Amino acid sequence: MLKKKSAKNKNQSMRDIVKSIGNRFLEIQKIAEQRGIFLNHRELLECRCGLEEDITTDGKLIVCRKGAEGMDVGLRFPEPDKRGKSRCPGCGRMLKLRRINTP
């Protein structure tokens, strides 16, 4: 009987540890988003007008013109809504992105 309680306590401790790690991961993810770091949770947006999202070498999400990758124009596409729609900050066109399938 004591062994079962001990195993149960170990399982609970393990669940607590995993939950703590998961919560810390979410905190770090939120900080990264606040700092403009792209978390690779979706495809990058691009519009027919020539504006597109790009990622700098330090992981920041920027908007540039096609052919001038890495040169931030200072505009930002709004984060897509639940339906995957966003509006181009240059021409105002509505865009729909394909979500990245995650396992």
PDB file of N, CA and C in Angstrom:
ATOM      1  N   MET A   1       0.820  -1.198   0.000  1.00  0.00           N
ATOM      2  CA  MET A   1       0.000   0.000   0.000  1.00  0.00           C
ATOM      3  C   MET A   1       0.858   1.254   0.000  1.00  0.00           C
ATOM      4  N   LEU A   2       1.952   1.236   0.735  1.00  0.00           N
ATOM      5  CA  LEU A   2       2.830   2.398   0.792  1.00  0.00           C
ATOM      6  C   LEU A   2       3.457   2.676  -0.564  1.00  0.00           C
ATOM      7  N   LYS A   3       3.791   1.627  -1.298  1.00  0.00           N
ATOM      8  CA  LYS A   3       4.403   1.820  -2.603  1.00  0.00           C
ATOM      9  C   LYS A   3       3.451   2.527  -3.566  1.00  0.00           C
ATOM     10  N   LYS A   4       2.162   2.177  -3.507  1.00  0.00           N
ATOM     11  CA  LYS A   4       1.197   2.827  -4.387  1.00  0.00           C
ATOM     12  C   LYS A   4       1.082   4.304  -4.064  1.00  0.00           C
ATOM     13  N   LYS A   5       1.040   4.657  -2.799  1.00  0.00           N
ATOM     14  CA  LYS A   5       0.969   6.066  -2.428  1.00  0.00           C
ATOM     15  C   LYS A   5       2.222   6.798  -2.884  1.00  0.00           C
ATOM     16  N   SER A   6       3.353   6.152  -2.730  1.00  0.00           N
ATOM     17  CA  SER A   6       4.607   6.768  -3.142  1.00  0.00           C
ATOM     18  C   SER A   6       4.615   7.005  -4.652  1.00  0.00           C
ATOM     19  N   ALA A   7       4.169   6.029  -5.417  1.00  0.00           N
ATOM     20  CA  ALA A   7       4.103   6.179  -6.875  1.00  0.00           C
ATOM     21  C   ALA A   7       3.103   7.269  -7.241  1.00  0.00           C
ATOM     22  N   LYS A   8       1.998   7.325  -6.534  1.00  0.00           N
ATOM     23  CA  LYS A   8       0.994   8.355  -6.796  1.00  0.00           C
ATOM     24  C   LYS A   8       1.572   9.737  -6.509  1.00  0.00           C
ATOM     25  N   ASN A   9       2.317   9.858  -5.415  1.00  0.00           N
ATOM     26  CA  ASN A   9       2.948  11.138  -5.082  1.00  0.00           C
ATOM     27  C   ASN A   9       3.982  11.528  -6.134  1.00  0.00           C
ATOM     28  N   LYS A  10       4.730  10.547  -6.622  1.00  0.00           N
ATOM     29  CA  LYS A  10       5.720  10.834  -7.660  1.00  0.00           C
ATOM     30  C   LYS A  10       5.035  11.314  -8.935  1.00  0.00           C
ATOM     31  N   ASN A  11       3.921  10.662  -9.295  1.00  0.00           N
ATOM     32  CA  ASN A  11       3.176  11.085 -10.490  1.00  0.00           C
ATOM     33  C   ASN A  11       2.642  12.501 -10.330  1.00  0.00           C
ATOM     34  N   GLN A  12       2.124  12.816  -9.142  1.00  0.00           N
ATOM     35  CA  GLN A  12       1.610  14.160  -8.898  1.00  0.00           C
ATOM     36  C   GLN A  12       2.743  15.172  -8.967  1.00  0.00           C
ATOM     37  N   SER A  13       3.887  14.828  -8.381  1.00  0.00           N
ATOM     38  CA  SER A  13       5.048  15.725  -8.437  1.00  0.00           C
ATOM     39  C   SER A  13       5.484  15.960  -9.875  1.00  0.00           C
ATOM     40  N   MET A  14       5.491  14.909 -10.664  1.00  0.00           N
ATOM     41  CA  MET A  14       5.883  15.027 -12.061  1.00  0.00           C
ATOM     42  C   MET A  14       4.894  15.921 -12.805  1.00  0.00           C
ATOM     43  N   ARG A  15       3.596  15.742 -12.555  1.00  0.00           N
ATOM     44  CA  ARG A  15       2.588  16.596 -13.193  1.00  0.00           C
ATOM     45  C   ARG A  15       2.797  18.056 -12.797  1.00  0.00           C
ATOM     46  N   ASP A  16       3.102  18.304 -11.535  1.00  0.00           N
ATOM     47  CA  ASP A  16       3.343  19.664 -11.060  1.00  0.00           C
ATOM     48  C   ASP A  16       4.550  20.284 -11.765  1.00  0.00           C
ATOM     49  N   ILE A  17       5.600  19.486 -11.935  1.00  0.00           N
ATOM     50  CA  ILE A  17       6.811  19.972 -12.603  1.00  0.00           C
ATOM     51  C   ILE A  17       6.511  20.303 -14.063  1.00  0.00           C
ATOM     52  N   VAL A  18       5.822  19.405 -14.752  1.00  0.00           N
ATOM     53  CA  VAL A  18       5.490  19.625 -16.162  1.00  0.00           C
ATOM     54  C   VAL A  18       4.586  20.849 -16.298  1.00  0.00           C
ATOM     55  N   LYS A  19       3.625  20.998 -15.420  1.00  0.00           N
ATOM     56  CA  LYS A  19       2.729  22.155 -15.455  1.00  0.00           C
ATOM     57  C   LYS A  19       3.513  23.442 -15.239  1.00  0.00           C
ATOM     58  N   SER A  20       4.456  23.415 -14.313  1.00  0.00           N
ATOM     59  CA  SER A  20       5.294  24.583 -14.034  1.00  0.00           C
ATOM     60  C   SER A  20       6.144  24.955 -15.247  1.00  0.00           C
ATOM     61  N   ILE A  21       6.722  23.955 -15.894  1.00  0.00           N
ATOM     62  CA  ILE A  21       7.530  24.196 -17.092  1.00  0.00           C
ATOM     63  C   ILE A  21       6.652  24.765 -18.205  1.00  0.00           C
ATOM     64  N   GLY A  22       5.463  24.204 -18.382  1.00  0.00           N
ATOM     65  CA  GLY A  22       4.543  24.697 -19.408  1.00  0.00           C
ATOM     66  C   GLY A  22       4.150  26.146 -19.155  1.00  0.00           C
ATOM     67  N   ASN A  23       3.864  26.482 -17.916  1.00  0.00           N
ATOM     68  CA  ASN A  23       3.505  27.859 -17.577  1.00  0.00           C
ATOM     69  C   ASN A  23       4.666  28.807 -17.834  1.00  0.00           C
ATOM     70  N   ARG A  24       5.869  28.385 -17.503  1.00  0.00           N
ATOM     71  CA  ARG A  24       7.047  29.225 -17.740  1.00  0.00           C
ATOM     72  C   ARG A  24       7.270  29.424 -19.230  1.00  0.00           C
ATOM     73  N   PHE A  25       7.069  28.368 -20.015  1.00  0.00           N
ATOM     74  CA  PHE A  25       7.196  28.471 -21.462  1.00  0.00           C
ATOM     75  C   PHE A  25       6.220  29.514 -22.009  1.00  0.00           C
ATOM     76  N   LEU A  26       4.964  29.485 -21.537  1.00  0.00           N
ATOM     77  CA  LEU A  26       3.971  30.453 -21.995  1.00  0.00           C
ATOM     78  C   LEU A  26       4.368  31.880 -21.624  1.00  0.00           C
ATOM     79  N   GLU A  27       4.963  32.056 -20.454  1.00  0.00           N
ATOM     80  CA  GLU A  27       5.444  33.385 -20.039  1.00  0.00           C
ATOM     81  C   GLU A  27       6.542  33.873 -20.986  1.00  0.00           C
ATOM     82  N   ILE A  28       7.488  33.000 -21.286  1.00  0.00           N
ATOM     83  CA  ILE A  28       8.596  33.359 -22.180  1.00  0.00           C
ATOM     84  C   ILE A  28       8.068  33.670 -23.575  1.00  0.00           C
ATOM     85  N   GLN A  29       7.108  32.877 -24.038  1.00  0.00           N
ATOM     86  CA  GLN A  29       6.507  33.096 -25.355  1.00  0.00           C
ATOM     87  C   GLN A  29       5.832  34.468 -25.401  1.00  0.00           C
ATOM     88  N   LYS A  30       5.130  34.837 -24.353  1.00  0.00           N
ATOM     89  CA  LYS A  30       4.454  36.139 -24.301  1.00  0.00           C
ATOM     90  C   LYS A  30       5.466  37.281 -24.328  1.00  0.00           C
ATOM     91  N   ILE A  31       6.560  37.150 -23.599  1.00  0.00           N
ATOM     92  CA  ILE A  31       7.614  38.168 -23.592  1.00  0.00           C
ATOM     93  C   ILE A  31       8.221  38.302 -24.990  1.00  0.00           C
ATOM     94  N   ALA A  32       8.477  37.175 -25.638  1.00  0.00           N
ATOM     95  CA  ALA A  32       9.047  37.191 -26.989  1.00  0.00           C
ATOM     96  C   ALA A  32       8.112  37.918 -27.951  1.00  0.00           C
ATOM     97  N   GLU A  33       6.814  37.629 -27.876  1.00  0.00           N
ATOM     98  CA  GLU A  33       5.843  38.303 -28.736  1.00  0.00           C
ATOM     99  C   GLU A  33       5.836  39.805 -28.484  1.00  0.00           C
ATOM    100  N   GLN A  34       5.890  40.200 -27.211  1.00  0.00           N
ATOM    101  CA  GLN A  34       5.891  41.623 -26.865  1.00  0.00           C
ATOM    102  C   GLN A  34       7.116  42.329 -27.429  1.00  0.00           C
ATOM    103  N   ARG A  35       8.205  41.609 -27.574  1.00  0.00           N
ATOM    104  CA  ARG A  35       9.450  42.185 -28.103  1.00  0.00           C
ATOM    105  C   ARG A  35       9.545  42.084 -29.617  1.00  0.00           C
ATOM    106  N   GLY A  36       8.474  41.596 -30.239  1.00  0.00           N
ATOM    107  CA  GLY A  36       8.432  41.544 -31.697  1.00  0.00           C
ATOM    108  C   GLY A  36       9.122  40.350 -32.309  1.00  0.00           C
ATOM    109  N   ILE A  37       9.401  39.337 -31.521  1.00  0.00           N
ATOM    110  CA  ILE A  37      10.058  38.142 -32.046  1.00  0.00           C
ATOM    111  C   ILE A  37       8.999  37.233 -32.655  1.00  0.00           C
ATOM    112  N   PHE A  38       9.248  36.791 -33.872  1.00  0.00           N
ATOM    113  CA  PHE A  38       8.301  35.929 -34.572  1.00  0.00           C
ATOM    114  C   PHE A  38       8.437  34.508 -34.052  1.00  0.00           C
ATOM    115  N   LEU A  39       7.317  33.909 -33.672  1.00  0.00           N
ATOM    116  CA  LEU A  39       7.334  32.587 -33.049  1.00  0.00           C
ATOM    117  C   LEU A  39       7.063  31.438 -34.015  1.00  0.00           C
ATOM    118  N   ASN A  40       7.019  31.750 -35.299  1.00  0.00           N
ATOM    119  CA  ASN A  40       6.830  30.732 -36.333  1.00  0.00           C
ATOM    120  C   ASN A  40       5.526  29.956 -36.144  1.00  0.00           C
ATOM    121  N   HIS A  41       4.490  30.638 -35.699  1.00  0.00           N
ATOM    122  CA  HIS A  41       3.200  30.007 -35.456  1.00  0.00           C
ATOM    123  C   HIS A  41       2.259  30.114 -36.657  1.00  0.00           C
ATOM    124  N   ARG A  42       2.711  30.789 -37.686  1.00  0.00           N
ATOM    125  CA  ARG A  42       1.912  30.962 -38.894  1.00  0.00           C
ATOM    126  C   ARG A  42       2.845  31.311 -40.046  1.00  0.00           C
ATOM    127  N   GLU A  43       2.279  31.300 -41.247  1.00  0.00           N
ATOM    128  CA  GLU A  43       3.057  31.722 -42.406  1.00  0.00           C
ATOM    129  C   GLU A  43       3.205  33.237 -42.389  1.00  0.00           C
ATOM    130  N   LEU A  44       4.216  33.720 -43.071  1.00  0.00           N
ATOM    131  CA  LEU A  44       4.401  35.162 -43.199  1.00  0.00           C
ATOM    132  C   LEU A  44       3.397  35.709 -44.205  1.00  0.00           C
ATOM    133  N   LEU A  45       2.916  36.911 -43.942  1.00  0.00           N
ATOM    134  CA  LEU A  45       1.943  37.549 -44.823  1.00  0.00           C
ATOM    135  C   LEU A  45       2.643  38.274 -45.964  1.00  0.00           C
ATOM    136  N   GLU A  46       1.992  38.284 -47.113  1.00  0.00           N
ATOM    137  CA  GLU A  46       2.465  39.095 -48.227  1.00  0.00           C
ATOM    138  C   GLU A  46       1.262  39.536 -49.041  1.00  0.00           C
ATOM    139  N   CYS A  47       1.384  40.693 -49.657  1.00  0.00           N
ATOM    140  CA  CYS A  47       0.282  41.280 -50.413  1.00  0.00           C
ATOM    141  C   CYS A  47       0.721  41.513 -51.859  1.00  0.00           C
ATOM    142  N   ARG A  48      -0.247  41.530 -52.745  1.00  0.00           N
ATOM    143  CA  ARG A  48       0.034  41.774 -54.161  1.00  0.00           C
ATOM    144  C   ARG A  48       0.618  43.155 -54.418  1.00  0.00           C
ATOM    145  N   CYS A  49       0.430  44.086 -53.459  1.00  0.00           N
ATOM    146  CA  CYS A  49       0.962  45.443 -53.649  1.00  0.00           C
ATOM    147  C   CYS A  49       2.483  45.489 -53.461  1.00  0.00           C
ATOM    148  N   GLY A  50       3.066  44.381 -52.983  1.00  0.00           N
ATOM    149  CA  GLY A  50       4.517  44.323 -52.841  1.00  0.00           C
ATOM    150  C   GLY A  50       5.018  44.330 -51.412  1.00  0.00           C
ATOM    151  N   LEU A  51       4.133  44.543 -50.447  1.00  0.00           N
ATOM    152  CA  LEU A  51       4.565  44.476 -49.047  1.00  0.00           C
ATOM    153  C   LEU A  51       4.527  43.034 -48.570  1.00  0.00           C
ATOM    154  N   GLU A  52       5.510  42.678 -47.758  1.00  0.00           N
ATOM    155  CA  GLU A  52       5.550  41.332 -47.199  1.00  0.00           C
ATOM    156  C   GLU A  52       6.258  41.341 -45.854  1.00  0.00           C
ATOM    157  N   GLU A  53       5.889  40.373 -45.033  1.00  0.00           N
ATOM    158  CA  GLU A  53       6.579  40.222 -43.753  1.00  0.00           C
ATOM    159  C   GLU A  53       7.898  39.511 -43.984  1.00  0.00           C
ATOM    160  N   ASP A  54       8.859  39.825 -43.132  1.00  0.00           N
ATOM    161  CA  ASP A  54      10.175  39.204 -43.184  1.00  0.00           C
ATOM    162  C   ASP A  54      10.649  39.053 -41.750  1.00  0.00           C
ATOM    163  N   ILE A  55      11.625  38.229 -41.542  1.00  0.00           N
ATOM    164  CA  ILE A  55      12.195  38.025 -40.209  1.00  0.00           C
ATOM    165  C   ILE A  55      13.661  38.403 -40.255  1.00  0.00           C
ATOM    166  N   THR A  56      14.073  39.249 -39.312  1.00  0.00           N
ATOM    167  CA  THR A  56      15.477  39.658 -39.253  1.00  0.00           C
ATOM    168  C   THR A  56      16.313  38.531 -38.649  1.00  0.00           C
ATOM    169  N   THR A  57      17.612  38.676 -38.714  1.00  0.00           N
ATOM    170  CA  THR A  57      18.497  37.638 -38.173  1.00  0.00           C
ATOM    171  C   THR A  57      18.337  37.464 -36.668  1.00  0.00           C
ATOM    172  N   ASP A  58      17.829  38.499 -35.981  1.00  0.00           N
ATOM    173  CA  ASP A  58      17.610  38.355 -34.537  1.00  0.00           C
ATOM    174  C   ASP A  58      16.167  37.971 -34.204  1.00  0.00           C
ATOM    175  N   GLY A  59      15.400  37.543 -35.234  1.00  0.00           N
ATOM    176  CA  GLY A  59      14.074  36.992 -35.014  1.00  0.00           C
ATOM    177  C   GLY A  59      12.928  37.981 -34.983  1.00  0.00           C
ATOM    178  N   LYS A  60      13.202  39.246 -35.272  1.00  0.00           N
ATOM    179  CA  LYS A  60      12.138  40.256 -35.248  1.00  0.00           C
ATOM    180  C   LYS A  60      11.333  40.217 -36.545  1.00  0.00           C
ATOM    181  N   LEU A  61      10.024  40.404 -36.394  1.00  0.00           N
ATOM    182  CA  LEU A  61       9.116  40.438 -37.524  1.00  0.00           C
ATOM    183  C   LEU A  61       9.048  41.863 -38.056  1.00  0.00           C
ATOM    184  N   ILE A  62       9.356  42.026 -39.335  1.00  0.00           N
ATOM    185  CA  ILE A  62       9.317  43.351 -39.967  1.00  0.00           C
ATOM    186  C   ILE A  62       8.478  43.279 -41.240  1.00  0.00           C
ATOM    187  N   VAL A  63       8.222  44.427 -41.840  1.00  0.00           N
ATOM    188  CA  VAL A  63       7.546  44.492 -43.137  1.00  0.00           C
ATOM    189  C   VAL A  63       8.480  45.200 -44.103  1.00  0.00           C
ATOM    190  N   CYS A  64       8.658  44.597 -45.266  1.00  0.00           N
ATOM    191  CA  CYS A  64       9.533  45.176 -46.287  1.00  0.00           C
ATOM    192  C   CYS A  64       8.839  45.079 -47.642  1.00  0.00           C
ATOM    193  N   ARG A  65       9.483  45.617 -48.647  1.00  0.00           N
ATOM    194  CA  ARG A  65       8.980  45.502 -50.012  1.00  0.00           C
ATOM    195  C   ARG A  65       9.674  44.319 -50.688  1.00  0.00           C
ATOM    196  N   LYS A  66       8.932  43.636 -51.552  1.00  0.00           N
ATOM    197  CA  LYS A  66       9.542  42.531 -52.299  1.00  0.00           C
ATOM    198  C   LYS A  66      10.767  43.044 -53.014  1.00  0.00           C
ATOM    199  N   GLY A  67      11.848  42.285 -52.952  1.00  0.00           N
ATOM    200  CA  GLY A  67      13.094  42.687 -53.580  1.00  0.00           C
ATOM    201  C   GLY A  67      13.990  43.503 -52.666  1.00  0.00           C
ATOM    202  N   ALA A  68      13.451  43.936 -51.538  1.00  0.00           N
ATOM    203  CA  ALA A  68      14.247  44.710 -50.564  1.00  0.00           C
ATOM    204  C   ALA A  68      14.134  44.045 -49.200  1.00  0.00           C
ATOM    205  N   GLU A  69      14.288  42.730 -49.189  1.00  0.00           N
ATOM    206  CA  GLU A  69      14.168  41.968 -47.959  1.00  0.00           C
ATOM    207  C   GLU A  69      15.134  42.481 -46.900  1.00  0.00           C
ATOM    208  N   GLY A  70      14.661  42.534 -45.668  1.00  0.00           N
ATOM    209  CA  GLY A  70      15.490  42.981 -44.559  1.00  0.00           C
ATOM    210  C   GLY A  70      15.461  44.481 -44.326  1.00  0.00           C
ATOM    211  N   MET A  71      14.854  45.229 -45.242  1.00  0.00           N
ATOM    212  CA  MET A  71      14.784  46.692 -45.102  1.00  0.00           C
ATOM    213  C   MET A  71      13.385  47.070 -44.619  1.00  0.00           C
ATOM    214  N   ASP A  72      13.250  47.274 -43.340  1.00  0.00           N
ATOM    215  CA  ASP A  72      11.967  47.542 -42.696  1.00  0.00           C
ATOM    216  C   ASP A  72      11.377  48.865 -43.180  1.00  0.00           C
ATOM    217  N   VAL A  73      10.107  48.827 -43.622  1.00  0.00           N
ATOM    218  CA  VAL A  73       9.425  50.059 -44.039  1.00  0.00           C
ATOM    219  C   VAL A  73       8.660  50.695 -42.883  1.00  0.00           C
ATOM    220  N   GLY A  74       8.646  50.032 -41.720  1.00  0.00           N
ATOM    221  CA  GLY A  74       8.017  50.597 -40.528  1.00  0.00           C
ATOM    222  C   GLY A  74       6.536  50.302 -40.368  1.00  0.00           C
ATOM    223  N   LEU A  75       5.926  49.660 -41.353  1.00  0.00           N
ATOM    224  CA  LEU A  75       4.521  49.280 -41.250  1.00  0.00           C
ATOM    225  C   LEU A  75       4.413  47.890 -40.644  1.00  0.00           C
ATOM    226  N   ARG A  76       3.236  47.545 -40.133  1.00  0.00           N
ATOM    227  CA  ARG A  76       3.010  46.204 -39.598  1.00  0.00           C
ATOM    228  C   ARG A  76       1.650  45.693 -40.034  1.00  0.00           C
ATOM    229  N   PHE A  77       1.627  44.428 -40.468  1.00  0.00           N
ATOM    230  CA  PHE A  77       0.362  43.767 -40.726  1.00  0.00           C
ATOM    231  C   PHE A  77      -0.262  43.456 -39.360  1.00  0.00           C
ATOM    232  N   PRO A  78      -1.562  43.712 -39.188  1.00  0.00           N
ATOM    233  CA  PRO A  78      -2.193  43.278 -37.936  1.00  0.00           C
ATOM    234  C   PRO A  78      -2.132  41.754 -37.837  1.00  0.00           C
ATOM    235  N   GLU A  79      -2.014  41.235 -36.629  1.00  0.00           N
ATOM    236  CA  GLU A  79      -2.019  39.787 -36.428  1.00  0.00           C
ATOM    237  C   GLU A  79      -3.336  39.243 -36.995  1.00  0.00           C
ATOM    238  N   PRO A  80      -3.275  38.174 -37.778  1.00  0.00           N
ATOM    239  CA  PRO A  80      -4.508  37.628 -38.350  1.00  0.00           C
ATOM    240  C   PRO A  80      -5.527  37.259 -37.274  1.00  0.00           C
ATOM    241  N   ASP A  81      -6.809  37.444 -37.610  1.00  0.00           N
ATOM    242  CA  ASP A  81      -7.873  37.101 -36.668  1.00  0.00           C
ATOM    243  C   ASP A  81      -8.079  35.585 -36.641  1.00  0.00           C
ATOM    244  N   LYS A  82      -9.090  35.136 -35.929  1.00  0.00           N
ATOM    245  CA  LYS A  82      -9.346  33.699 -35.777  1.00  0.00           C
ATOM    246  C   LYS A  82      -9.646  33.015 -37.104  1.00  0.00           C
ATOM    247  N   ARG A  83     -10.105  33.788 -38.083  1.00  0.00           N
ATOM    248  CA  ARG A  83     -10.398  33.224 -39.402  1.00  0.00           C
ATOM    249  C   ARG A  83      -9.180  33.272 -40.317  1.00  0.00           C
ATOM    250  N   GLY A  84      -8.053  33.792 -39.801  1.00  0.00           N
ATOM    251  CA  GLY A  84      -6.840  33.869 -40.597  1.00  0.00           C
ATOM    252  C   GLY A  84      -6.789  35.072 -41.511  1.00  0.00           C
ATOM    253  N   LYS A  85      -7.559  36.112 -41.199  1.00  0.00           N
ATOM    254  CA  LYS A  85      -7.602  37.294 -42.062  1.00  0.00           C
ATOM    255  C   LYS A  85      -6.866  38.465 -41.423  1.00  0.00           C
ATOM    256  N   SER A  86      -6.191  39.211 -42.281  1.00  0.00           N
ATOM    257  CA  SER A  86      -5.477  40.410 -41.871  1.00  0.00           C
ATOM    258  C   SER A  86      -5.618  41.430 -43.001  1.00  0.00           C
ATOM    259  N   ARG A  87      -5.251  42.662 -42.728  1.00  0.00           N
ATOM    260  CA  ARG A  87      -5.363  43.720 -43.728  1.00  0.00           C
ATOM    261  C   ARG A  87      -3.965  44.269 -44.018  1.00  0.00           C
ATOM    262  N   CYS A  88      -3.664  44.460 -45.285  1.00  0.00           N
ATOM    263  CA  CYS A  88      -2.380  45.014 -45.683  1.00  0.00           C
ATOM    264  C   CYS A  88      -2.267  46.449 -45.159  1.00  0.00           C
ATOM    265  N   PRO A  89      -1.170  46.774 -44.485  1.00  0.00           N
ATOM    266  CA  PRO A  89      -1.011  48.122 -43.963  1.00  0.00           C
ATOM    267  C   PRO A  89      -0.693  49.147 -45.052  1.00  0.00           C
ATOM    268  N   GLY A  90      -0.378  48.684 -46.258  1.00  0.00           N
ATOM    269  CA  GLY A  90      -0.062  49.595 -47.349  1.00  0.00           C
ATOM    270  C   GLY A  90      -1.268  49.956 -48.183  1.00  0.00           C
ATOM    271  N   CYS A  91      -1.956  48.930 -48.715  1.00  0.00           N
ATOM    272  CA  CYS A  91      -3.068  49.192 -49.636  1.00  0.00           C
ATOM    273  C   CYS A  91      -4.437  48.919 -49.026  1.00  0.00           C
ATOM    274  N   GLY A  92      -4.480  48.271 -47.875  1.00  0.00           N
ATOM    275  CA  GLY A  92      -5.750  48.001 -47.209  1.00  0.00           C
ATOM    276  C   GLY A  92      -6.451  46.730 -47.656  1.00  0.00           C
ATOM    277  N   ARG A  93      -5.846  45.978 -48.567  1.00  0.00           N
ATOM    278  CA  ARG A  93      -6.458  44.735 -49.058  1.00  0.00           C
ATOM    279  C   ARG A  93      -6.557  43.704 -47.929  1.00  0.00           C
ATOM    280  N   MET A  94      -7.695  42.985 -47.886  1.00  0.00           N
ATOM    281  CA  MET A  94      -7.858  41.892 -46.926  1.00  0.00           C
ATOM    282  C   MET A  94      -7.083  40.682 -47.432  1.00  0.00           C
ATOM    283  N   LEU A  95      -6.353  40.064 -46.538  1.00  0.00           N
ATOM    284  CA  LEU A  95      -5.538  38.896 -46.873  1.00  0.00           C
ATOM    285  C   LEU A  95      -5.982  37.720 -46.031  1.00  0.00           C
ATOM    286  N   LYS A  96      -5.878  36.537 -46.587  1.00  0.00           N
ATOM    287  CA  LYS A  96      -6.178  35.318 -45.847  1.00  0.00           C
ATOM    288  C   LYS A  96      -4.941  34.447 -45.895  1.00  0.00           C
ATOM    289  N   LEU A  97      -4.514  33.979 -44.737  1.00  0.00           N
ATOM    290  CA  LEU A  97      -3.325  33.126 -44.736  1.00  0.00           C
ATOM    291  C   LEU A  97      -3.695  31.697 -44.432  1.00  0.00           C
ATOM    292  N   ARG A  98      -2.816  30.830 -44.841  1.00  0.00           N
ATOM    293  CA  ARG A  98      -2.966  29.415 -44.521  1.00  0.00           C
ATOM    294  C   ARG A  98      -2.263  29.177 -43.202  1.00  0.00           C
ATOM    295  N   ARG A  99      -2.914  28.497 -42.307  1.00  0.00           N
ATOM    296  CA  ARG A  99      -2.316  28.184 -41.005  1.00  0.00           C
ATOM    297  C   ARG A  99      -1.306  27.059 -41.172  1.00  0.00           C
ATOM    298  N   ILE A 100      -0.255  27.135 -40.364  1.00  0.00           N
ATOM    299  CA  ILE A 100       0.732  26.055 -40.354  1.00  0.00           C
ATOM    300  C   ILE A 100       0.151  24.923 -39.526  1.00  0.00           C
ATOM    301  N   ASN A 101       0.151  23.721 -40.085  1.00  0.00           N
ATOM    302  CA  ASN A 101      -0.342  22.561 -39.335  1.00  0.00           C
ATOM    303  C   ASN A 101       0.707  22.127 -38.335  1.00  0.00           C
ATOM    304  N   THR A 102       0.301  22.046 -37.088  1.00  0.00           N
ATOM    305  CA  THR A 102       1.222  21.606 -36.051  1.00  0.00           C
ATOM    306  C   THR A 102       0.775  20.247 -35.540  1.00  0.00           C
ATOM    307  N   PRO A 103       1.731  19.402 -35.214  1.00  0.00           N
ATOM    308  CA  PRO A 103       1.368  18.058 -34.737  1.00  0.00           C
ATOM    309  C   PRO A 103       0.688  18.093 -33.397  1.00  0.00           C
TER     310      PRO A 103
END
